[in-house]
Amino acid sequence: MNLLAFKKLPMGEQASLLRQQGHFLVERREDSFRLRLYALGDFYAEEWRVHDEDHILFIHLFQHSGGLREYLATIRLPEV
């Protein structure tokens, strides 16, 4: 799936597709929000939810690695 095709889907279908075919990468908190980052096809997708709620507020899509900057502090690579 590419970014343009994904954007055309309703948010409910986007969320379903992320759970089924996306690669979950990491979760983080920002203020009162819970963000889950997925990789799918040629893009990344961030699910934004209010902390402690299941309802998705929106899904932010991006392709550039600069969008990963906020996640770098939470990534732990295995020690060699």
C-alpha atoms as a PDB file:
ATOM      1  CA  MET A   1       0.000   0.000   0.000  1.00  0.00           C
ATOM      2  CA  ASN A   2       1.327   3.438  -0.826  1.00  0.00           C
ATOM      3  CA  LEU A   3       0.632   6.746   0.881  1.00  0.00           C
ATOM      4  CA  LEU A   4      -1.744   8.131  -1.757  1.00  0.00           C
ATOM      5  CA  ALA A   5      -3.959   5.026  -1.755  1.00  0.00           C
ATOM      6  CA  PHE A   6      -4.015   4.948   2.060  1.00  0.00           C
ATOM      7  CA  LYS A   7      -5.044   8.626   2.270  1.00  0.00           C
ATOM      8  CA  LYS A   8      -8.151   7.910   0.193  1.00  0.00           C
ATOM      9  CA  LEU A   9      -9.500   5.415   2.749  1.00  0.00           C
ATOM     10  CA  PRO A  10     -11.865   6.426   5.577  1.00  0.00           C
ATOM     11  CA  MET A  11     -10.121   6.633   8.959  1.00  0.00           C
ATOM     12  CA  GLY A  12     -11.785   3.452  10.248  1.00  0.00           C
ATOM     13  CA  GLU A  13     -10.391   1.465   7.325  1.00  0.00           C
ATOM     14  CA  GLN A  14      -7.003   3.100   7.784  1.00  0.00           C
ATOM     15  CA  ALA A  15      -6.903   2.038  11.438  1.00  0.00           C
ATOM     16  CA  SER A  16      -7.927  -1.504  10.552  1.00  0.00           C
ATOM     17  CA  LEU A  17      -5.285  -1.742   7.849  1.00  0.00           C
ATOM     18  CA  LEU A  18      -2.602  -0.488  10.231  1.00  0.00           C
ATOM     19  CA  ARG A  19      -3.482  -3.176  12.782  1.00  0.00           C
ATOM     20  CA  GLN A  20      -3.589  -5.933  10.151  1.00  0.00           C
ATOM     21  CA  GLN A  21      -0.715  -5.065   7.824  1.00  0.00           C
ATOM     22  CA  GLY A  22       1.286  -2.281   9.482  1.00  0.00           C
ATOM     23  CA  HIS A  23       4.435  -2.864  11.477  1.00  0.00           C
ATOM     24  CA  PHE A  24       3.960  -1.443  14.975  1.00  0.00           C
ATOM     25  CA  LEU A  25       7.157   0.375  15.920  1.00  0.00           C
ATOM     26  CA  VAL A  26       6.692   2.239  19.193  1.00  0.00           C
ATOM     27  CA  GLU A  27       4.227   4.028  21.452  1.00  0.00           C
ATOM     28  CA  ARG A  28       4.803   7.304  23.285  1.00  0.00           C
ATOM     29  CA  ARG A  29       2.902   9.936  25.267  1.00  0.00           C
ATOM     30  CA  GLU A  30       2.658  13.599  24.441  1.00  0.00           C
ATOM     31  CA  ASP A  31       0.748  15.699  26.955  1.00  0.00           C
ATOM     32  CA  SER A  32      -2.597  13.901  27.379  1.00  0.00           C
ATOM     33  CA  PHE A  33      -2.254  11.924  24.140  1.00  0.00           C
ATOM     34  CA  ARG A  34      -1.070   8.413  23.344  1.00  0.00           C
ATOM     35  CA  LEU A  35       0.658   8.046  19.981  1.00  0.00           C
ATOM     36  CA  ARG A  36       1.321   4.750  18.241  1.00  0.00           C
ATOM     37  CA  LEU A  37       3.742   4.688  15.326  1.00  0.00           C
ATOM     38  CA  TYR A  38       3.388   2.212  12.447  1.00  0.00           C
ATOM     39  CA  ALA A  39       5.329   1.633   9.225  1.00  0.00           C
ATOM     40  CA  LEU A  40       3.318   0.530   6.207  1.00  0.00           C
ATOM     41  CA  GLY A  41       4.401   0.483   2.581  1.00  0.00           C
ATOM     42  CA  ASP A  42       6.259   3.689   1.747  1.00  0.00           C
ATOM     43  CA  PHE A  43       5.121   5.751   4.756  1.00  0.00           C
ATOM     44  CA  TYR A  44       4.738   6.026   8.519  1.00  0.00           C
ATOM     45  CA  ALA A  45       1.442   6.515  10.351  1.00  0.00           C
ATOM     46  CA  GLU A  46       0.868   7.939  13.832  1.00  0.00           C
ATOM     47  CA  GLU A  47      -2.393   7.097  15.576  1.00  0.00           C
ATOM     48  CA  TRP A  48      -3.364   9.874  17.986  1.00  0.00           C
ATOM     49  CA  ARG A  49      -5.641   8.981  20.898  1.00  0.00           C
ATOM     50  CA  VAL A  50      -6.530  10.638  24.170  1.00  0.00           C
ATOM     51  CA  HIS A  51      -4.661   8.742  26.880  1.00  0.00           C
ATOM     52  CA  ASP A  52      -6.885   6.016  28.414  1.00  0.00           C
ATOM     53  CA  GLU A  53      -9.372   6.114  25.500  1.00  0.00           C
ATOM     54  CA  ASP A  54      -9.694   3.791  22.527  1.00  0.00           C
ATOM     55  CA  HIS A  55     -11.209   6.324  20.132  1.00  0.00           C
ATOM     56  CA  ILE A  56      -8.720   7.485  17.459  1.00  0.00           C
ATOM     57  CA  LEU A  57      -8.685  11.276  17.095  1.00  0.00           C
ATOM     58  CA  PHE A  58      -6.721  11.255  13.840  1.00  0.00           C
ATOM     59  CA  ILE A  59      -3.972   9.471  11.936  1.00  0.00           C
ATOM     60  CA  HIS A  60      -0.974  11.569  10.935  1.00  0.00           C
ATOM     61  CA  LEU A  61       0.884  10.293   7.848  1.00  0.00           C
ATOM     62  CA  PHE A  62       4.427  11.116   6.752  1.00  0.00           C
ATOM     63  CA  GLN A  63       7.228   9.763   4.605  1.00  0.00           C
ATOM     64  CA  HIS A  64      10.272  11.734   5.691  1.00  0.00           C
ATOM     65  CA  SER A  65      12.510  10.404   8.441  1.00  0.00           C
ATOM     66  CA  GLY A  66      12.398  13.813  10.178  1.00  0.00           C
ATOM     67  CA  GLY A  67       8.987  12.788  11.505  1.00  0.00           C
ATOM     68  CA  LEU A  68      10.710  10.086  13.561  1.00  0.00           C
ATOM     69  CA  ARG A  69      12.733  12.594  15.601  1.00  0.00           C
ATOM     70  CA  GLU A  70      10.341  12.558  18.588  1.00  0.00           C
ATOM     71  CA  TYR A  71      10.632   8.757  18.799  1.00  0.00           C
ATOM     72  CA  LEU A  72      14.421   8.458  18.785  1.00  0.00           C
ATOM     73  CA  ALA A  73      14.758   8.872  22.561  1.00  0.00           C
ATOM     74  CA  THR A  74      12.472   5.861  23.182  1.00  0.00           C
ATOM     75  CA  ILE A  75      14.229   3.460  20.808  1.00  0.00           C
ATOM     76  CA  ARG A  76      16.574   1.054  22.532  1.00  0.00           C
ATOM     77  CA  LEU A  77      18.934  -0.957  20.349  1.00  0.00           C
ATOM     78  CA  PRO A  78      20.297  -4.256  21.648  1.00  0.00           C
ATOM     79  CA  GLU A  79      23.785  -4.104  23.079  1.00  0.00           C
ATOM     80  CA  VAL A  80      26.400  -6.111  21.224  1.00  0.00           C
END
